[in-house]
């Protein structure tokens, strides 16, 4: 066999590799280079971790069962004694022995408290304390709830009577502590989605590994979650970690060498050509043609084709944008003029009204047209920046218009503004303007010289703010109820639906409140 034939055969694998795609080249090189290290590290790490985790989970399960069993026994016993004492004191409120037995049971639990309460709210036994969300329960019905850094148990009796017990978190932690020497652990009491932290892992961070076990207490859905730290770092784990580090360093080095020669440097050349591109020009790919990766050569040709297409259409787009901008401004200008014409016509007809009722009807219509005009004027002024409408200026101009068009029976109308600077879109601004107009007119209809305070405050969420209107005229009354029933109620409800929110009414304070969507604050775009 001659030398040229031998050389040709020796180069055949290299030629076959050169014809492969870049991704396949990189994959094969990394697989063959890192396969031994990966297999060794994988075997050691899996074997060590499985053994340690298995032992820790078994011990955690035993601790959880012991804690839940102790706590279940105590709570079940207390529920039974509370039920018996409640029945005895319902039959005979003077039954001192029943109360004494119950006091003795809870006296051994430190700061745990209890109370037997009749239907009139009088304490029959125990001490008075408040439990949030205490609803009336059916006889013998048990309700467990996590409240005020503790656990409350309530048992219903007849005619509204109940037995209540409260266990602070430290008492529950003491009861549930496992016997003997135990490792550090965390303990939580669960009731549905509510959780009460009884014990925390000292020095535990948010990214630390933990093993967690859950056990039910069979008391109105209560349960406990116990957690212990993950498997500690041992010598086999350190060895496995070091091997993994070596593997990743080797992978990074080999991968960088391959990717740098096949992808990074060619991509930098292409990036330089694309970065030098100016609108109206074509991308020069003269330096791209010698790249080793076929995919990057094709990408360079694609960029050149795109730049040619952009060059052809850029002038057309610029002309179209100019025409569209002119048309949009003309449309908004005509709408603003039409609103002014409508307002003038309403005012003209109002002067010729023959009755006070007709004049008031015209004024009511004009106030709503003014509200829409205020929003449109502010939107027209913000068109160039397209950042949204500033709600404070909209509400300020709206309040001035309402005061100027207030009827005679509403003389002395006062509107106070406490608004933070927030930005909203046109749909929200329109709905808010109509909503404020309806509420202020409702206040004017209920009280002569009504005083109204309007506030807008940004909430904890970046895209929400709270709109609040308060007036003594909006306090619950027969006239307010009649107006809401016959006229204003459905309108206010429809505007609230348009804002995609709920309109809350406090009849005692005379306040309407709603959460509205905002787009940001002036100078801070969301």
Protein backbone atom coordinates (compact mmCIF):
# COMPACT_ATOMS: atom_id res chain seq x y z
CA UNK A 1 0.00 0.00 0.00
CA UNK A 2 1.49 3.31 -1.07
CA UNK A 3 1.94 6.33 1.22
CA UNK A 4 -0.76 8.58 -0.37
CA UNK A 5 -3.42 5.90 0.14
CA UNK A 6 -2.43 5.43 3.80
CA UNK A 7 -2.51 9.18 4.45
CA UNK A 8 -5.90 9.46 2.81
CA UNK A 9 -7.39 6.75 5.03
CA UNK A 10 -5.91 8.30 8.20
CA UNK A 11 -7.55 11.60 7.36
CA UNK A 12 -10.98 10.06 6.69
CA UNK A 13 -12.21 10.27 10.33
CA UNK A 14 -11.08 13.89 10.54
CA UNK A 15 -12.95 14.72 7.36
CA UNK A 16 -16.08 12.98 8.66
CA UNK A 17 -15.88 14.96 11.89
CA UNK A 18 -15.41 18.20 9.95
CA UNK A 19 -18.64 17.55 8.04
CA UNK A 20 -20.66 17.20 11.26
CA UNK A 21 -22.61 20.11 12.70
CA UNK A 22 -21.00 22.18 15.45
CA UNK A 23 -23.44 21.01 18.13
CA UNK A 24 -22.70 17.35 17.39
CA UNK A 25 -18.94 18.01 17.51
CA UNK A 26 -19.19 19.69 20.90
CA UNK A 27 -21.47 16.96 22.28
CA UNK A 28 -19.20 14.08 21.26
CA UNK A 29 -16.01 15.72 22.56
CA UNK A 30 -17.57 16.47 25.99
CA UNK A 31 -19.15 13.01 26.32
CA UNK A 32 -15.92 11.10 25.68
CA UNK A 33 -13.76 13.44 27.79
CA UNK A 34 -16.00 13.53 30.89
CA UNK A 35 -17.56 10.06 30.89
CA UNK A 36 -15.07 8.44 33.36
CA UNK A 37 -15.19 11.30 35.85
CA UNK A 38 -18.98 11.52 35.64
CA UNK A 39 -19.47 7.79 36.30
CA UNK A 40 -17.16 7.76 39.35
CA UNK A 41 -18.66 10.90 40.89
CA UNK A 42 -22.21 9.73 40.24
CA UNK A 43 -21.66 6.36 41.93
CA UNK A 44 -20.04 7.80 45.08
CA UNK A 45 -22.54 10.62 45.51
CA UNK A 46 -25.63 8.48 45.00
CA UNK A 47 -24.44 5.73 47.35
CA UNK A 48 -23.51 8.12 50.15
CA UNK A 49 -26.58 10.32 49.86
CA UNK A 50 -29.05 7.45 49.72
CA UNK A 51 -27.67 5.83 52.87
CA UNK A 52 -27.60 9.03 54.91
CA UNK A 53 -31.00 10.22 53.74
CA UNK A 54 -32.63 6.85 54.47
CA UNK A 55 -31.40 6.84 58.08
CA UNK A 56 -32.43 10.45 58.63
CA UNK A 57 -35.93 9.95 57.20
CA UNK A 58 -36.52 6.91 59.42
CA UNK A 59 -35.52 8.83 62.53
CA UNK A 60 -37.61 11.84 61.49
CA UNK A 61 -40.67 9.63 60.95
CA UNK A 62 -40.30 8.18 64.47
CA UNK A 63 -39.94 11.66 66.02
CA UNK A 64 -42.97 12.94 64.10
CA UNK A 65 -45.15 10.05 65.18
CA UNK A 66 -44.11 10.50 68.82
CA UNK A 67 -44.78 14.26 68.79
CA UNK A 68 -48.12 13.95 66.99
CA UNK A 69 -49.21 11.13 69.30
CA UNK A 70 -48.47 13.15 72.44
CA UNK A 71 -50.14 16.28 71.10
CA UNK A 72 -53.12 14.26 69.81
CA UNK A 73 -53.64 12.68 73.22
CA UNK A 74 -53.53 16.00 75.09
CA UNK A 75 -55.85 17.84 72.68
CA UNK A 76 -58.31 14.93 72.48
CA UNK A 77 -58.43 14.72 76.30
CA UNK A 78 -58.98 18.48 76.60
CA UNK A 79 -61.76 18.40 73.97
CA UNK A 80 -63.48 15.61 75.87
CA UNK A 81 -63.25 17.45 79.19
CA UNK A 82 -64.39 20.75 77.64
CA UNK A 83 -67.40 18.96 76.13
CA UNK A 84 -68.32 17.35 79.46
CA UNK A 85 -67.88 20.62 81.41
CA UNK A 86 -69.96 22.53 78.83
CA UNK A 87 -72.79 20.00 79.11
CA UNK A 88 -72.65 20.07 82.92
CA UNK A 89 -72.63 23.87 83.18
CA UNK A 90 -75.44 24.17 80.61
CA UNK A 91 -77.54 21.90 82.81
CA UNK A 92 -76.46 23.61 86.07
CA UNK A 93 -74.50 26.92 85.82
CA UNK A 94 -73.61 26.54 89.52
CA UNK A 95 -71.85 23.19 89.05
CA UNK A 96 -68.58 24.14 90.78
CA UNK A 97 -66.99 20.64 90.74
CA UNK A 98 -67.17 20.49 86.91
CA UNK A 99 -65.46 23.88 86.65
CA UNK A 100 -62.84 22.85 89.24
CA UNK A 101 -61.94 19.68 87.37
CA UNK A 102 -61.55 21.60 84.12
CA UNK A 103 -59.42 24.28 85.81
CA UNK A 104 -57.17 21.57 87.22
CA UNK A 105 -56.67 20.04 83.79
CA UNK A 106 -55.67 23.35 82.18
CA UNK A 107 -53.68 24.46 85.23
CA UNK A 108 -51.08 21.81 84.44
CA UNK A 109 -50.55 23.33 80.97
CA UNK A 110 -48.96 26.62 82.04
CA UNK A 111 -50.38 29.61 80.17
CA UNK A 112 -53.12 27.70 78.32
CA UNK A 113 -56.53 29.36 78.90
CA UNK A 114 -60.13 28.22 78.72
CA UNK A 115 -63.65 29.60 79.14
CA UNK A 116 -67.20 28.22 79.27
CA UNK A 117 -69.59 30.86 77.90
CA UNK A 118 -73.39 30.75 77.85
CA UNK A 119 -75.54 32.06 75.02
CA UNK A 120 -75.72 35.54 76.59
CA UNK A 121 -71.92 35.84 76.57
CA UNK A 122 -71.50 35.39 80.35
CA UNK A 123 -68.48 33.45 81.62
CA UNK A 124 -69.65 30.32 83.48
CA UNK A 125 -66.14 29.00 84.10
CA UNK A 126 -62.60 30.13 83.27
CA UNK A 127 -61.39 33.55 82.20
CA UNK A 128 -62.51 35.92 79.45
CA UNK A 129 -60.35 36.26 76.37
CA UNK A 130 -61.04 37.08 72.73
CA UNK A 131 -60.67 34.67 69.81
CA UNK A 132 -60.79 36.15 66.30
CA UNK A 133 -63.50 34.86 63.96
CA UNK A 134 -65.65 33.26 66.71
CA UNK A 135 -68.83 32.18 64.86
CA UNK A 136 -71.80 30.38 66.41
CA UNK A 137 -71.33 26.59 66.26
CA UNK A 138 -73.79 23.75 66.32
CA UNK A 139 -74.02 21.63 69.48
CA UNK A 140 -70.94 19.41 69.89
CA UNK A 141 -69.34 20.95 66.77
CA UNK A 142 -65.56 21.34 67.11
CA UNK A 143 -63.66 24.15 65.41
CA UNK A 144 -59.83 24.42 65.56
CA UNK A 145 -58.16 27.55 64.25
CA UNK A 146 -54.68 29.10 64.31
CA UNK A 147 -54.99 32.65 65.74
CA UNK A 148 -52.80 35.20 67.56
CA UNK A 149 -49.63 33.07 67.63
CA UNK A 150 -51.50 30.16 69.12
CA UNK A 151 -54.23 27.56 68.65
CA UNK A 152 -57.87 28.02 69.60
CA UNK A 153 -60.38 25.17 70.10
CA UNK A 154 -64.11 25.96 70.20
CA UNK A 155 -66.91 23.51 70.96
CA UNK A 156 -70.50 24.51 70.28
CA UNK A 157 -73.29 24.11 72.81
CA UNK A 158 -77.01 24.73 72.94
CA UNK A 159 -78.55 28.19 72.42
CA UNK A 160 -75.23 29.83 71.47
CA UNK A 161 -73.19 28.50 74.39
CA UNK A 162 -69.63 27.40 73.73
CA UNK A 163 -66.41 26.15 75.31
CA UNK A 164 -63.21 27.87 74.22
CA UNK A 165 -59.56 26.98 74.83
CA UNK A 166 -56.40 28.80 73.73
CA UNK A 167 -52.91 27.27 73.60
CA UNK A 168 -49.91 29.58 73.03
CA UNK A 169 -47.24 28.36 70.62
CA UNK A 170 -44.67 27.75 73.39
CA UNK A 171 -47.10 25.47 75.28
CA UNK A 172 -47.79 23.44 72.13
CA UNK A 173 -44.04 23.15 71.48
CA UNK A 174 -43.48 21.88 75.04
CA UNK A 175 -46.25 19.29 74.72
CA UNK A 176 -45.03 18.02 71.34
CA UNK A 177 -41.31 17.79 72.23
CA UNK A 178 -40.02 14.22 71.65
CA UNK A 179 -38.50 12.37 74.58
CA UNK A 180 -34.81 11.57 74.91
CA UNK A 181 -31.90 13.02 72.94
CA UNK A 182 -33.09 14.37 69.60
CA UNK A 183 -31.30 16.40 66.92
CA UNK A 184 -32.24 19.98 66.18
CA UNK A 185 -35.64 20.15 64.50
CA UNK A 186 -38.31 22.59 63.34
CA UNK A 187 -41.98 22.09 64.17
CA UNK A 188 -45.08 23.65 62.61
CA UNK A 189 -48.76 23.21 63.40
CA UNK A 190 -50.98 23.17 60.29
CA UNK A 191 -54.69 23.82 59.83
CA UNK A 192 -55.56 23.83 56.15
CA UNK A 193 -53.51 26.65 54.59
CA UNK A 194 -52.74 28.24 57.98
CA UNK A 195 -49.43 27.44 59.69
CA UNK A 196 -48.16 28.15 63.22
CA UNK A 197 -44.41 28.04 63.79
CA UNK A 198 -43.76 26.20 67.08
CA UNK A 199 -40.00 25.76 66.79
CA UNK A 200 -37.42 26.96 64.27
CA UNK A 201 -34.14 25.43 63.21
CA UNK A 202 -31.37 27.60 64.71
CA UNK A 203 -29.16 29.17 62.07
CA UNK A 204 -31.09 27.65 59.16
CA UNK A 205 -31.01 29.59 55.90
CA UNK A 206 -33.59 29.66 53.08
CA UNK A 207 -31.43 27.43 50.84
CA UNK A 208 -30.51 24.78 53.42
CA UNK A 209 -31.61 21.22 52.69
CA UNK A 210 -34.30 19.82 54.96
CA UNK A 211 -36.15 16.57 55.47
CA UNK A 212 -39.82 17.08 56.38
CA UNK A 213 -42.49 14.67 57.64
CA UNK A 214 -46.21 15.30 58.20
CA UNK A 215 -48.64 13.66 60.64
CA UNK A 216 -52.34 14.29 61.23
CA UNK A 217 -53.69 14.96 64.74
CA UNK A 218 -57.29 13.88 63.99
CA UNK A 219 -58.59 17.11 65.59
CA UNK A 220 -60.59 19.14 63.03
CA UNK A 221 -57.96 18.84 60.30
CA UNK A 222 -54.96 19.76 62.48
CA UNK A 223 -51.56 18.31 61.71
CA UNK A 224 -47.86 18.86 62.37
CA UNK A 225 -44.88 19.24 60.04
CA UNK A 226 -41.50 18.34 61.52
CA UNK A 227 -38.26 19.18 59.71
CA UNK A 228 -34.63 18.31 60.41
CA UNK A 229 -31.48 19.53 58.64
CA UNK A 230 -30.43 17.63 55.55
CA UNK A 231 -27.61 15.13 55.47
CA UNK A 232 -24.47 16.68 56.99
CA UNK A 233 -21.28 17.00 55.01
CA UNK A 234 -19.16 13.85 55.48
CA UNK A 235 -15.87 12.66 54.07
CA UNK A 236 -17.44 10.58 51.25
CA UNK A 237 -19.62 13.55 50.31
CA UNK A 238 -16.59 15.85 50.27
CA UNK A 239 -14.74 13.43 48.00
CA UNK A 240 -17.74 13.22 45.68
CA UNK A 241 -18.04 17.00 45.63
CA UNK A 242 -14.35 17.45 44.82
CA UNK A 243 -14.67 14.99 41.97
CA UNK A 244 -17.71 16.83 40.69
CA UNK A 245 -15.79 20.13 40.83
CA UNK A 246 -12.93 18.62 38.87
CA UNK A 247 -15.42 17.30 36.35
CA UNK A 248 -17.06 20.69 35.87
CA UNK A 249 -13.69 22.47 35.60
CA UNK A 250 -12.64 20.03 32.90
CA UNK A 251 -15.98 20.44 31.14
CA UNK A 252 -15.67 24.23 31.25
CA UNK A 253 -12.12 24.18 29.91
CA UNK A 254 -12.79 21.74 27.08
CA UNK A 255 -16.09 23.36 26.23
CA UNK A 256 -14.52 26.82 26.13
CA UNK A 257 -11.72 25.71 23.84
CA UNK A 258 -14.13 24.10 21.40
CA UNK A 259 -16.80 26.80 21.50
CA UNK A 260 -14.25 29.63 21.33
CA UNK A 261 -12.71 28.34 18.13
CA UNK A 262 -15.91 27.23 16.41
CA UNK A 263 -18.48 29.77 17.65
CA UNK A 264 -17.31 32.67 19.83
CA UNK A 265 -14.68 34.21 17.56
CA UNK A 266 -16.79 33.82 14.41
CA UNK A 267 -19.79 35.26 16.24
CA UNK A 268 -17.71 38.25 17.35
CA UNK A 269 -16.86 38.97 13.72
CA UNK A 270 -20.51 38.71 12.77
CA UNK A 271 -21.48 40.90 15.74
CA UNK A 272 -18.98 43.55 14.62
CA UNK A 273 -20.50 43.55 11.13
CA UNK A 274 -24.04 43.78 12.48
CA UNK A 275 -23.02 46.44 15.04
CA UNK A 276 -21.62 48.64 12.28
CA UNK A 277 -24.91 48.42 10.40
CA UNK A 278 -26.73 51.71 9.85
CA UNK A 279 -30.38 51.97 8.78
CA UNK A 280 -30.58 52.22 5.03
CA UNK A 281 -27.37 50.23 4.46
CA UNK A 282 -26.63 46.57 3.79
CA UNK A 283 -24.62 44.42 6.21
CA UNK A 284 -21.10 43.63 4.97
CA UNK A 285 -20.38 39.92 5.47
CA UNK A 286 -17.00 39.92 3.74
CA UNK A 287 -15.29 38.91 7.02
CA UNK A 288 -17.99 36.32 7.73
CA UNK A 289 -17.39 34.12 4.69
CA UNK A 290 -14.25 32.46 6.13
CA UNK A 291 -15.96 31.23 9.33
CA UNK A 292 -15.54 27.53 10.21
CA UNK A 293 -19.20 26.97 11.22
CA UNK A 294 -21.64 26.54 8.34
CA UNK A 295 -24.54 27.68 10.52
CA UNK A 296 -22.87 31.05 11.20
CA UNK A 297 -22.15 31.56 7.50
CA UNK A 298 -25.82 30.97 6.79
CA UNK A 299 -26.74 33.34 9.62
CA UNK A 300 -24.56 36.07 8.07
CA UNK A 301 -26.29 35.63 4.73
CA UNK A 302 -29.65 35.83 6.47
CA UNK A 303 -28.66 39.13 8.10
CA UNK A 304 -27.65 40.47 4.71
CA UNK A 305 -31.01 39.50 3.20
CA UNK A 306 -32.86 41.08 6.15
CA UNK A 307 -30.90 44.33 5.84
CA UNK A 308 -31.77 44.45 2.14
CA UNK A 309 -35.47 44.00 2.94
CA UNK A 310 -35.31 46.63 5.70
CA UNK A 311 -33.62 49.04 3.31
CA UNK A 312 -36.43 48.63 0.82
CA UNK A 313 -39.27 49.06 3.29
CA UNK A 314 -37.83 51.60 5.75
CA UNK A 315 -38.81 54.60 3.68
CA UNK A 316 -42.36 53.30 3.25
CA UNK A 317 -42.70 52.74 6.99
CA UNK A 318 -41.44 56.24 7.78
CA UNK A 319 -43.98 57.79 5.41
CA UNK A 320 -46.78 55.63 6.81
CA UNK A 321 -45.91 56.59 10.39
CA UNK A 322 -46.04 60.28 9.56
CA UNK A 323 -49.46 59.88 7.92
CA UNK A 324 -50.79 57.77 10.81
CA UNK A 325 -49.60 60.31 13.41
CA UNK A 326 -51.29 63.16 11.56
CA UNK A 327 -54.51 61.17 11.21
CA UNK A 328 -54.55 60.21 14.91
CA UNK A 329 -54.05 63.79 16.06
CA UNK A 330 -56.77 64.96 13.69
CA UNK A 331 -59.23 62.37 15.05
CA UNK A 332 -58.54 63.35 18.65
CA UNK A 333 -58.81 67.03 17.78
CA UNK A 334 -62.22 66.49 16.17
CA UNK A 335 -63.49 64.42 19.11
CA UNK A 336 -62.41 67.16 21.52
CA UNK A 337 -64.20 69.79 19.40
CA UNK A 338 -67.34 67.63 19.20
CA UNK A 339 -67.44 67.27 22.97
CA UNK A 340 -67.18 71.06 23.30
CA UNK A 341 -70.06 71.48 20.83
CA UNK A 342 -72.20 68.99 22.75
CA UNK A 343 -71.49 70.78 26.03
CA UNK A 344 -72.42 74.11 24.46
CA UNK A 345 -75.70 72.70 23.08
CA UNK A 346 -76.63 71.24 26.47
CA UNK A 347 -75.86 74.57 28.15
CA UNK A 348 -77.94 76.41 25.55
CA UNK A 349 -80.96 74.16 26.10
CA UNK A 350 -80.52 74.34 29.88
CA UNK A 351 -80.96 78.15 29.77
CA UNK A 352 -84.31 77.71 28.05
CA UNK A 353 -85.60 75.02 30.41
CA UNK A 354 -89.05 75.82 31.80
CA UNK A 355 -88.73 73.95 35.08
CA UNK A 356 -86.09 73.39 37.74
CA UNK A 357 -86.32 69.64 37.16
CA UNK A 358 -85.49 70.02 33.48
CA UNK A 359 -82.63 72.41 34.22
CA UNK A 360 -81.24 69.95 36.76
CA UNK A 361 -81.50 67.13 34.22
CA UNK A 362 -79.56 69.19 31.67
CA UNK A 363 -76.94 70.02 34.33
CA UNK A 364 -76.62 66.34 35.25
CA UNK A 365 -76.04 65.40 31.61
CA UNK A 366 -73.54 68.23 31.18
CA UNK A 367 -71.55 67.07 34.20
CA UNK A 368 -71.11 63.66 32.59
CA UNK A 369 -70.10 65.17 29.25
CA UNK A 370 -67.63 67.39 31.11
CA UNK A 371 -66.21 64.30 32.82
CA UNK A 372 -65.56 62.66 29.44
CA UNK A 373 -64.16 65.91 28.05
CA UNK A 374 -61.73 66.26 30.98
CA UNK A 375 -60.35 62.78 30.35
CA UNK A 376 -60.06 63.41 26.63
CA UNK A 377 -58.27 66.73 27.06
CA UNK A 378 -55.70 65.16 29.36
CA UNK A 379 -55.29 62.19 27.01
CA UNK A 380 -54.78 64.55 24.06
CA UNK A 381 -52.11 66.44 26.03
CA UNK A 382 -50.23 63.20 26.85
CA UNK A 383 -50.35 61.72 23.33
CA UNK A 384 -46.77 62.61 22.42
CA UNK A 385 -45.22 60.90 25.45
CA UNK A 386 -47.73 58.02 25.58
CA UNK A 387 -47.04 57.40 29.27
CA UNK A 388 -50.62 57.50 30.56
CA UNK A 389 -52.86 60.11 32.14
CA UNK A 390 -51.96 61.71 35.46
CA UNK A 391 -55.04 61.00 37.59
CA UNK A 392 -54.48 63.89 39.97
CA UNK A 393 -54.87 66.53 37.24
CA UNK A 394 -57.95 64.72 35.85
CA UNK A 395 -59.66 64.63 39.28
CA UNK A 396 -58.69 68.24 40.02
CA UNK A 397 -60.21 69.55 36.77
CA UNK A 398 -63.28 67.34 37.23
CA UNK A 399 -63.86 68.66 40.78
CA UNK A 400 -63.60 72.26 39.55
CA UNK A 401 -66.18 71.60 36.80
CA UNK A 402 -68.60 69.93 39.23
CA UNK A 403 -68.37 72.82 41.69
CA UNK A 404 -68.97 75.28 38.85
CA UNK A 405 -72.10 73.45 37.60
CA UNK A 406 -73.54 72.54 41.01
CA UNK A 407 -77.29 73.28 41.30
CA UNK A 408 -78.73 75.86 43.69
CA UNK A 409 -79.88 73.25 46.22
CA UNK A 410 -76.24 72.08 46.45
CA UNK A 411 -74.89 75.55 47.31
CA UNK A 412 -71.90 75.27 49.60
CA UNK A 413 -70.65 72.05 47.98
CA UNK A 414 -67.07 71.39 49.07
CA UNK A 415 -64.64 68.96 47.45
CA UNK A 416 -61.31 68.24 49.11
CA UNK A 417 -58.60 66.35 47.18
CA UNK A 418 -55.86 64.16 48.68
CA UNK A 419 -54.43 62.43 45.63
CA UNK A 420 -50.99 60.99 45.05
CA UNK A 421 -49.48 61.35 41.56
CA UNK A 422 -50.33 58.15 39.68
CA UNK A 423 -50.72 57.33 35.98
CA UNK A 424 -53.64 55.41 34.46
CA UNK A 425 -54.73 54.48 30.95
CA UNK A 426 -57.62 56.18 29.18
CA UNK A 427 -60.19 53.46 29.95
CA UNK A 428 -59.51 53.60 33.70
CA UNK A 429 -59.49 57.41 33.71
CA UNK A 430 -62.87 57.53 31.93
CA UNK A 431 -64.47 55.05 34.33
CA UNK A 432 -63.02 56.86 37.38
CA UNK A 433 -64.27 60.23 36.11
CA UNK A 434 -67.81 58.88 35.63
CA UNK A 435 -67.68 57.07 38.97
CA UNK A 436 -66.67 60.22 40.87
CA UNK A 437 -69.34 62.25 39.05
CA UNK A 438 -72.05 59.76 40.05
CA UNK A 439 -70.94 59.58 43.70
CA UNK A 440 -70.62 63.38 44.09
CA UNK A 441 -74.04 63.91 42.47
CA UNK A 442 -75.47 61.27 44.81
CA UNK A 443 -74.00 63.21 47.77
CA UNK A 444 -75.48 66.50 46.44
CA UNK A 445 -78.89 64.84 46.12
CA UNK A 446 -78.79 63.58 49.73
CA UNK A 447 -77.51 66.68 51.54
CA UNK A 448 -77.46 70.43 50.90
CA UNK A 449 -73.91 71.80 50.96
CA UNK A 450 -72.37 68.31 51.02
CA UNK A 451 -68.68 68.07 51.87
CA UNK A 452 -66.79 65.44 49.87
CA UNK A 453 -63.19 64.23 50.32
CA UNK A 454 -61.53 62.34 47.46
CA UNK A 455 -58.26 60.50 48.00
CA UNK A 456 -56.05 58.34 45.78
CA UNK A 457 -53.22 56.42 47.40
CA UNK A 458 -50.84 53.93 45.83
CA UNK A 459 -51.12 50.49 47.40
CA UNK A 460 -48.42 47.95 48.24
CA UNK A 461 -48.76 46.50 44.73
CA UNK A 462 -47.00 48.50 42.03
CA UNK A 463 -49.92 48.27 39.59
CA UNK A 464 -52.80 49.11 42.00
CA UNK A 465 -54.04 52.23 43.85
CA UNK A 466 -56.96 52.84 46.22
CA UNK A 467 -59.65 55.37 45.26
CA UNK A 468 -61.73 56.55 48.25
CA UNK A 469 -64.63 59.03 48.45
CA UNK A 470 -65.90 60.06 51.91
CA UNK A 471 -68.86 62.34 52.71
CA UNK A 472 -71.39 62.64 55.56
CA UNK A 473 -74.06 62.69 52.84
CA UNK A 474 -73.21 59.07 51.99
CA UNK A 475 -73.99 57.75 55.50
CA UNK A 476 -76.74 55.14 55.47
CA UNK A 477 -80.24 56.62 55.33
CA UNK A 478 -83.65 56.22 53.76
CA UNK A 479 -83.04 58.85 51.07
CA UNK A 480 -79.65 57.34 50.14
CA UNK A 481 -81.16 53.85 49.90
CA UNK A 482 -83.99 55.11 47.68
CA UNK A 483 -81.60 56.91 45.29
CA UNK A 484 -79.32 53.87 45.07
CA UNK A 485 -82.27 51.58 44.43
CA UNK A 486 -83.94 53.72 41.77
CA UNK A 487 -81.07 55.39 39.95
CA UNK A 488 -77.46 55.31 41.10
CA UNK A 489 -76.94 51.72 42.27
CA UNK A 490 -76.89 50.03 38.87
CA UNK A 491 -74.73 52.79 37.37
CA UNK A 492 -72.14 52.51 40.14
CA UNK A 493 -72.13 48.73 39.80
CA UNK A 494 -71.62 48.93 36.05
CA UNK A 495 -68.70 51.37 36.42
CA UNK A 496 -67.10 49.10 39.01
CA UNK A 497 -67.34 46.18 36.57
CA UNK A 498 -65.76 48.34 33.88
CA UNK A 499 -62.85 48.97 36.28
CA UNK A 500 -62.70 45.19 36.95
CA UNK A 501 -62.91 45.78 40.70
CA UNK A 502 -65.37 45.80 43.59
CA UNK A 503 -66.89 49.03 44.92
CA UNK A 504 -67.11 48.84 48.72
CA UNK A 505 -69.54 51.07 50.65
CA UNK A 506 -69.09 51.77 54.37
CA UNK A 507 -72.56 52.96 55.49
CA UNK A 508 -71.33 54.09 58.91
CA UNK A 509 -68.51 56.33 57.64
CA UNK A 510 -70.23 57.30 54.40
CA UNK A 511 -67.31 56.08 52.29
CA UNK A 512 -66.98 54.43 48.86
CA UNK A 513 -63.68 52.64 48.13
CA UNK A 514 -62.32 50.76 45.12
CA UNK A 515 -58.96 49.40 43.98
CA UNK A 516 -58.01 50.66 40.50
CA UNK A 517 -55.29 49.64 38.05
CA UNK A 518 -52.44 52.10 37.44
CA UNK A 519 -49.62 52.11 34.91
CA UNK A 520 -47.04 53.71 37.21
CA UNK A 521 -46.08 57.07 38.67
CA UNK A 522 -44.79 60.21 36.93
CA UNK A 523 -41.10 59.65 36.29
CA UNK A 524 -41.35 55.93 37.27
CA UNK A 525 -42.72 53.77 34.50
CA UNK A 526 -44.00 50.32 35.48
